[in-house]
Amino acid sequence: MSKIAIFSINSRIGEHTISSQATLTDSAIMLSADATLLAADAGTLSTRTDADEGTISLSTGHGITTADQVDLYWTGGARYNVTVGTVSGNSVPFSGGTGDDLPAEDAEISVAKRTAITFTDSGDSISAFMAQCDQACRFAFMDASGEVSGAAFSVAAGQGVPWYSGIGYANPVAGATLVKIEASTSAAANATFTVDILGDASSED
């Protein structure tokens, strides 16, 4: 039985309103998930070794552990897919990742665990997807080597990211062999991340 995705878009700029609707039909719901993104732990960049390495001091009770993959958020910047070193109490060393250069030493910085939603799919088989989060968040489609280039999105609370065949720009995951989506929130409270993907199941045979 075929599955349907319906996208309704309404905009109002000044006194001018535009409405549009697109209906997509394909063979399967490739993914439909709600995931909890853990609240970011606020801390201080106690040591800045260089642009992508340092140590963050967190408060007692933080949830960051050795070898975690995390995202770092601060006023005016962020780094993603950062690797945590050996955690000692409230001292959290880290290195690597992509994004902005670290801020100055002693800057306020938050550490957010990345939540993974695993699935296996060919990016070429996807005909539509929609993702949304109730807090500010960033999510990325991942293949076996890491984030798919051009397929990472940062959104404000309540905003969504739609894509469907015919929307007017290329499929951001075309050519990729997808293994998961990873997401994190910069918020001080847990967030709910929702994602749905429509696609062609026959291409996975």
C-alpha atoms as a PDB file:
ATOM      1  CA  MET A   1       0.000   0.000   0.000  1.00  0.00           C
ATOM      2  CA  SER A   2       1.391   3.395  -0.959  1.00  0.00           C
ATOM      3  CA  LYS A   3       2.091   6.095   1.616  1.00  0.00           C
ATOM      4  CA  ILE A   4       1.377   9.794   1.307  1.00  0.00           C
ATOM      5  CA  ALA A   5       3.144  12.941   2.546  1.00  0.00           C
ATOM      6  CA  ILE A   6       1.340  16.272   2.396  1.00  0.00           C
ATOM      7  CA  PHE A   7       3.183  19.577   2.723  1.00  0.00           C
ATOM      8  CA  SER A   8       1.105  22.717   3.305  1.00  0.00           C
ATOM      9  CA  ILE A   9       2.959  26.026   3.362  1.00  0.00           C
ATOM     10  CA  ASN A  10       1.366  29.354   4.286  1.00  0.00           C
ATOM     11  CA  SER A  11       3.218  32.651   4.380  1.00  0.00           C
ATOM     12  CA  ARG A  12       2.243  36.220   5.147  1.00  0.00           C
ATOM     13  CA  ILE A  13       4.605  39.080   4.456  1.00  0.00           C
ATOM     14  CA  GLY A  14       3.037  42.416   5.233  1.00  0.00           C
ATOM     15  CA  GLU A  15      -0.532  42.119   3.974  1.00  0.00           C
ATOM     16  CA  HIS A  16       0.322  39.613   1.263  1.00  0.00           C
ATOM     17  CA  THR A  17      -0.543  35.935   1.862  1.00  0.00           C
ATOM     18  CA  ILE A  18       0.653  32.971  -0.202  1.00  0.00           C
ATOM     19  CA  SER A  19      -0.492  29.377   0.272  1.00  0.00           C
ATOM     20  CA  SER A  20       0.735  26.228  -1.438  1.00  0.00           C
ATOM     21  CA  GLN A  21       0.331  22.479  -1.041  1.00  0.00           C
ATOM     22  CA  ALA A  22       2.245  19.471  -2.359  1.00  0.00           C
ATOM     23  CA  THR A  23       1.239  15.815  -2.100  1.00  0.00           C
ATOM     24  CA  LEU A  24       3.862  13.073  -2.468  1.00  0.00           C
ATOM     25  CA  THR A  25       3.158   9.357  -2.878  1.00  0.00           C
ATOM     26  CA  ASP A  26       5.727   6.606  -2.403  1.00  0.00           C
ATOM     27  CA  SER A  27       5.921   3.022  -1.231  1.00  0.00           C
ATOM     28  CA  ALA A  28       6.963   3.324   2.420  1.00  0.00           C
ATOM     29  CA  ILE A  29       7.536   5.396   5.521  1.00  0.00           C
ATOM     30  CA  MET A  30      11.285   4.901   5.823  1.00  0.00           C
ATOM     31  CA  LEU A  31      11.487   6.536   9.256  1.00  0.00           C
ATOM     32  CA  SER A  32       9.024   8.008  11.743  1.00  0.00           C
ATOM     33  CA  ALA A  33      10.535   8.878  15.097  1.00  0.00           C
ATOM     34  CA  ASP A  34      10.314  11.071  18.162  1.00  0.00           C
ATOM     35  CA  ALA A  35      13.558  11.382  20.104  1.00  0.00           C
ATOM     36  CA  THR A  36      14.478  13.140  23.332  1.00  0.00           C
ATOM     37  CA  LEU A  37      17.506  15.402  23.065  1.00  0.00           C
ATOM     38  CA  LEU A  38      19.199  15.823  26.433  1.00  0.00           C
ATOM     39  CA  ALA A  39      19.526  19.339  27.813  1.00  0.00           C
ATOM     40  CA  ALA A  40      22.898  20.971  27.265  1.00  0.00           C
ATOM     41  CA  ASP A  41      25.204  21.227  30.306  1.00  0.00           C
ATOM     42  CA  ALA A  42      26.384  24.793  30.919  1.00  0.00           C
ATOM     43  CA  GLY A  43      30.030  25.336  31.781  1.00  0.00           C
ATOM     44  CA  THR A  44      33.172  27.410  31.296  1.00  0.00           C
ATOM     45  CA  LEU A  45      36.034  26.946  28.847  1.00  0.00           C
ATOM     46  CA  SER A  46      38.690  26.625  31.547  1.00  0.00           C
ATOM     47  CA  THR A  47      41.496  25.731  29.113  1.00  0.00           C
ATOM     48  CA  ARG A  48      41.783  26.694  25.464  1.00  0.00           C
ATOM     49  CA  THR A  49      44.605  24.674  23.937  1.00  0.00           C
ATOM     50  CA  ASP A  50      43.909  25.809  20.387  1.00  0.00           C
ATOM     51  CA  ALA A  51      41.013  26.475  18.023  1.00  0.00           C
ATOM     52  CA  ASP A  52      39.445  23.026  18.447  1.00  0.00           C
ATOM     53  CA  GLU A  53      40.829  21.587  21.689  1.00  0.00           C
ATOM     54  CA  GLY A  54      40.475  22.452  25.346  1.00  0.00           C
ATOM     55  CA  THR A  55      38.824  21.631  28.646  1.00  0.00           C
ATOM     56  CA  ILE A  56      35.406  22.636  29.925  1.00  0.00           C
ATOM     57  CA  SER A  57      34.509  22.885  33.607  1.00  0.00           C
ATOM     58  CA  LEU A  58      30.943  21.727  34.265  1.00  0.00           C
ATOM     59  CA  SER A  59      28.789  21.638  37.378  1.00  0.00           C
ATOM     60  CA  THR A  60      28.392  18.573  39.568  1.00  0.00           C
ATOM     61  CA  GLY A  61      25.807  16.197  38.175  1.00  0.00           C
ATOM     62  CA  HIS A  62      26.559  16.757  34.511  1.00  0.00           C
ATOM     63  CA  GLY A  63      25.898  13.841  32.176  1.00  0.00           C
ATOM     64  CA  ILE A  64      29.029  13.953  30.007  1.00  0.00           C
ATOM     65  CA  THR A  65      31.183  10.806  29.967  1.00  0.00           C
ATOM     66  CA  THR A  66      34.476   9.750  28.397  1.00  0.00           C
ATOM     67  CA  ALA A  67      34.337   9.202  24.602  1.00  0.00           C
ATOM     68  CA  ASP A  68      30.969  10.940  24.166  1.00  0.00           C
ATOM     69  CA  GLN A  69      30.335  12.691  20.847  1.00  0.00           C
ATOM     70  CA  VAL A  70      29.014  16.144  21.700  1.00  0.00           C
ATOM     71  CA  ASP A  71      28.196  19.530  20.237  1.00  0.00           C
ATOM     72  CA  LEU A  72      29.466  22.736  21.856  1.00  0.00           C
ATOM     73  CA  TYR A  73      27.406  25.923  21.883  1.00  0.00           C
ATOM     74  CA  TRP A  74      28.347  29.438  22.964  1.00  0.00           C
ATOM     75  CA  THR A  75      27.216  32.970  22.196  1.00  0.00           C
ATOM     76  CA  GLY A  76      28.101  33.584  18.571  1.00  0.00           C
ATOM     77  CA  GLY A  77      29.348  30.118  17.672  1.00  0.00           C
ATOM     78  CA  ALA A  78      29.308  26.339  17.862  1.00  0.00           C
ATOM     79  CA  ARG A  79      31.370  23.211  17.168  1.00  0.00           C
ATOM     80  CA  TYR A  80      29.845  19.901  16.173  1.00  0.00           C
ATOM     81  CA  ASN A  81      30.707  16.211  16.530  1.00  0.00           C
ATOM     82  CA  VAL A  82      33.404  16.903  19.104  1.00  0.00           C
ATOM     83  CA  THR A  83      35.067  13.973  20.908  1.00  0.00           C
ATOM     84  CA  VAL A  84      35.248  14.009  24.715  1.00  0.00           C
ATOM     85  CA  GLY A  85      38.497  12.830  26.284  1.00  0.00           C
ATOM     86  CA  THR A  86      38.944  11.257  29.700  1.00  0.00           C
ATOM     87  CA  VAL A  87      36.489  12.969  32.041  1.00  0.00           C
ATOM     88  CA  SER A  88      37.713  13.650  35.577  1.00  0.00           C
ATOM     89  CA  GLY A  89      34.923  14.827  37.847  1.00  0.00           C
ATOM     90  CA  ASN A  90      33.687  18.120  36.464  1.00  0.00           C
ATOM     91  CA  SER A  91      36.658  18.544  34.125  1.00  0.00           C
ATOM     92  CA  VAL A  92      35.779  17.594  30.545  1.00  0.00           C
ATOM     93  CA  PRO A  93      38.590  17.622  27.965  1.00  0.00           C
ATOM     94  CA  PHE A  94      37.654  17.547  24.277  1.00  0.00           C
ATOM     95  CA  SER A  95      39.073  17.859  20.775  1.00  0.00           C
ATOM     96  CA  GLY A  96      38.169  17.884  17.104  1.00  0.00           C
ATOM     97  CA  GLY A  97      34.836  18.442  15.458  1.00  0.00           C
ATOM     98  CA  THR A  98      33.802  20.965  12.844  1.00  0.00           C
ATOM     99  CA  GLY A  99      32.413  24.481  13.008  1.00  0.00           C
ATOM    100  CA  ASP A 100      33.641  27.709  14.554  1.00  0.00           C
ATOM    101  CA  ASP A 101      36.948  28.264  16.320  1.00  0.00           C
ATOM    102  CA  LEU A 102      36.599  28.085  20.080  1.00  0.00           C
ATOM    103  CA  PRO A 103      35.938  31.323  21.967  1.00  0.00           C
ATOM    104  CA  ALA A 104      38.426  32.872  24.385  1.00  0.00           C
ATOM    105  CA  GLU A 105      39.412  31.050  27.547  1.00  0.00           C
ATOM    106  CA  ASP A 106      36.916  31.435  30.427  1.00  0.00           C
ATOM    107  CA  ALA A 107      34.017  31.946  28.009  1.00  0.00           C
ATOM    108  CA  GLU A 108      30.675  30.411  28.915  1.00  0.00           C
ATOM    109  CA  ILE A 109      30.094  27.288  26.835  1.00  0.00           C
ATOM    110  CA  SER A 110      27.507  24.497  26.829  1.00  0.00           C
ATOM    111  CA  VAL A 111      28.074  20.821  26.104  1.00  0.00           C
ATOM    112  CA  ALA A 112      25.269  18.866  24.436  1.00  0.00           C
ATOM    113  CA  LYS A 113      25.227  15.107  23.900  1.00  0.00           C
ATOM    114  CA  ARG A 114      24.310  14.016  20.393  1.00  0.00           C
ATOM    115  CA  THR A 115      21.312  11.704  20.173  1.00  0.00           C
ATOM    116  CA  ALA A 116      21.343   9.135  17.373  1.00  0.00           C
ATOM    117  CA  ILE A 117      18.328   7.853  15.454  1.00  0.00           C
ATOM    118  CA  THR A 118      19.537   4.828  13.531  1.00  0.00           C
ATOM    119  CA  PHE A 119      18.151   3.701  10.189  1.00  0.00           C
ATOM    120  CA  THR A 120      19.559   2.441   6.912  1.00  0.00           C
ATOM    121  CA  ASP A 121      18.513   4.072   3.682  1.00  0.00           C
ATOM    122  CA  SER A 122      19.800   5.267   0.349  1.00  0.00           C
ATOM    123  CA  GLY A 123      19.531   9.009   0.090  1.00  0.00           C
ATOM    124  CA  ASP A 124      18.486   8.598  -3.536  1.00  0.00           C
ATOM    125  CA  SER A 125      15.396   6.622  -2.460  1.00  0.00           C
ATOM    126  CA  ILE A 126      14.019   9.456  -0.291  1.00  0.00           C
ATOM    127  CA  SER A 127      11.174  11.434  -1.827  1.00  0.00           C
ATOM    128  CA  ALA A 128      10.294  13.616   1.198  1.00  0.00           C
ATOM    129  CA  PHE A 129      11.283  14.350   4.772  1.00  0.00           C
ATOM    130  CA  MET A 130      10.240  16.685   7.544  1.00  0.00           C
ATOM    131  CA  ALA A 131      12.052  17.339  10.822  1.00  0.00           C
ATOM    132  CA  GLN A 132      11.172  19.650  13.705  1.00  0.00           C
ATOM    133  CA  CYS A 133      12.226  20.322  17.286  1.00  0.00           C
ATOM    134  CA  ASP A 134      10.425  22.093  20.136  1.00  0.00           C
ATOM    135  CA  GLN A 135      13.715  23.703  21.261  1.00  0.00           C
ATOM    136  CA  ALA A 136      16.590  25.174  19.304  1.00  0.00           C
ATOM    137  CA  CYS A 137      18.508  22.260  17.816  1.00  0.00           C
ATOM    138  CA  ARG A 138      20.827  21.054  15.103  1.00  0.00           C
ATOM    139  CA  PHE A 139      20.506  17.757  13.270  1.00  0.00           C
ATOM    140  CA  ALA A 140      22.573  16.041  10.605  1.00  0.00           C
ATOM    141  CA  PHE A 141      22.120  13.092   8.282  1.00  0.00           C
ATOM    142  CA  MET A 142      25.050  10.700   8.725  1.00  0.00           C
ATOM    143  CA  ASP A 143      26.742   8.085   6.575  1.00  0.00           C
ATOM    144  CA  ALA A 144      29.419   5.666   7.760  1.00  0.00           C
ATOM    145  CA  SER A 145      32.120   8.353   7.565  1.00  0.00           C
ATOM    146  CA  GLY A 146      30.256  11.124   9.398  1.00  0.00           C
ATOM    147  CA  GLU A 147      27.960  14.009   8.528  1.00  0.00           C
ATOM    148  CA  VAL A 148      26.751  14.152   4.944  1.00  0.00           C
ATOM    149  CA  SER A 149      27.983  17.385   3.372  1.00  0.00           C
ATOM    150  CA  GLY A 150      25.153  19.890   2.999  1.00  0.00           C
ATOM    151  CA  ALA A 151      22.726  17.802   5.069  1.00  0.00           C
ATOM    152  CA  ALA A 152      23.043  19.435   8.504  1.00  0.00           C
ATOM    153  CA  PHE A 153      20.437  21.932   9.674  1.00  0.00           C
ATOM    154  CA  SER A 154      20.157  24.351  12.610  1.00  0.00           C
ATOM    155  CA  VAL A 155      16.648  25.436  13.583  1.00  0.00           C
ATOM    156  CA  ALA A 156      15.037  27.644  16.197  1.00  0.00           C
ATOM    157  CA  ALA A 157      12.430  26.299  18.617  1.00  0.00           C
ATOM    158  CA  GLY A 158       9.331  25.139  16.790  1.00  0.00           C
ATOM    159  CA  GLN A 159      10.797  25.559  13.318  1.00  0.00           C
ATOM    160  CA  GLY A 160      10.835  22.713  10.834  1.00  0.00           C
ATOM    161  CA  VAL A 161      12.936  21.650   7.864  1.00  0.00           C
ATOM    162  CA  PRO A 162      10.893  20.275   4.940  1.00  0.00           C
ATOM    163  CA  TRP A 163      12.181  18.727   1.744  1.00  0.00           C
ATOM    164  CA  TYR A 164      10.286  16.956  -0.994  1.00  0.00           C
ATOM    165  CA  SER A 165      10.927  16.068  -4.596  1.00  0.00           C
ATOM    166  CA  GLY A 166       9.889  19.092  -6.616  1.00  0.00           C
ATOM    167  CA  ILE A 167      10.343  21.697  -3.883  1.00  0.00           C
ATOM    168  CA  GLY A 168      12.825  23.539  -6.059  1.00  0.00           C
ATOM    169  CA  TYR A 169      16.209  22.513  -4.701  1.00  0.00           C
ATOM    170  CA  ALA A 170      18.195  19.298  -4.841  1.00  0.00           C
ATOM    171  CA  ASN A 171      17.828  16.378  -2.459  1.00  0.00           C
ATOM    172  CA  PRO A 172      20.437  17.175   0.253  1.00  0.00           C
ATOM    173  CA  VAL A 173      21.198  13.482   0.841  1.00  0.00           C
ATOM    174  CA  ALA A 174      21.377  12.368  -2.797  1.00  0.00           C
ATOM    175  CA  GLY A 175      24.143   9.820  -3.341  1.00  0.00           C
ATOM    176  CA  ALA A 176      24.609   9.082   0.374  1.00  0.00           C
ATOM    177  CA  THR A 177      24.192   5.725   2.095  1.00  0.00           C
ATOM    178  CA  LEU A 178      22.523   6.861   5.303  1.00  0.00           C
ATOM    179  CA  VAL A 179      22.968   5.080   8.625  1.00  0.00           C
ATOM    180  CA  LYS A 180      21.482   7.543  11.136  1.00  0.00           C
ATOM    181  CA  ILE A 181      20.481  11.061  12.049  1.00  0.00           C
ATOM    182  CA  GLU A 182      22.241  12.760  14.960  1.00  0.00           C
ATOM    183  CA  ALA A 183      20.778  15.757  16.780  1.00  0.00           C
ATOM    184  CA  SER A 184      21.477  17.947  19.795  1.00  0.00           C
ATOM    185  CA  THR A 185      19.914  20.939  21.519  1.00  0.00           C
ATOM    186  CA  SER A 186      21.566  24.017  22.945  1.00  0.00           C
ATOM    187  CA  ALA A 187      18.639  24.491  25.334  1.00  0.00           C
ATOM    188  CA  ALA A 188      18.857  24.100  29.112  1.00  0.00           C
ATOM    189  CA  ALA A 189      15.867  21.727  29.009  1.00  0.00           C
ATOM    190  CA  ASN A 190      15.304  18.441  27.222  1.00  0.00           C
ATOM    191  CA  ALA A 191      13.926  18.800  23.715  1.00  0.00           C
ATOM    192  CA  THR A 192      11.699  16.639  21.529  1.00  0.00           C
ATOM    193  CA  PHE A 193      12.994  16.053  18.006  1.00  0.00           C
ATOM    194  CA  THR A 194      10.589  14.611  15.430  1.00  0.00           C
ATOM    195  CA  VAL A 195      11.431  13.298  11.974  1.00  0.00           C
ATOM    196  CA  ASP A 196       9.489  11.533   9.214  1.00  0.00           C
ATOM    197  CA  ILE A 197      10.913  10.215   5.935  1.00  0.00           C
ATOM    198  CA  LEU A 198       8.968   8.997   2.890  1.00  0.00           C
ATOM    199  CA  GLY A 199      10.713   6.884   0.326  1.00  0.00           C
ATOM    200  CA  ASP A 200      10.899   3.977  -2.081  1.00  0.00           C
ATOM    201  CA  ALA A 201      11.258   0.731  -0.132  1.00  0.00           C
ATOM    202  CA  SER A 202      11.915  -1.291  -3.288  1.00  0.00           C
ATOM    203  CA  SER A 203      15.279   0.432  -3.719  1.00  0.00           C
ATOM    204  CA  GLU A 204      16.418  -1.145  -0.419  1.00  0.00           C
ATOM    205  CA  ASP A 205      15.912  -4.742  -1.666  1.00  0.00           C
END
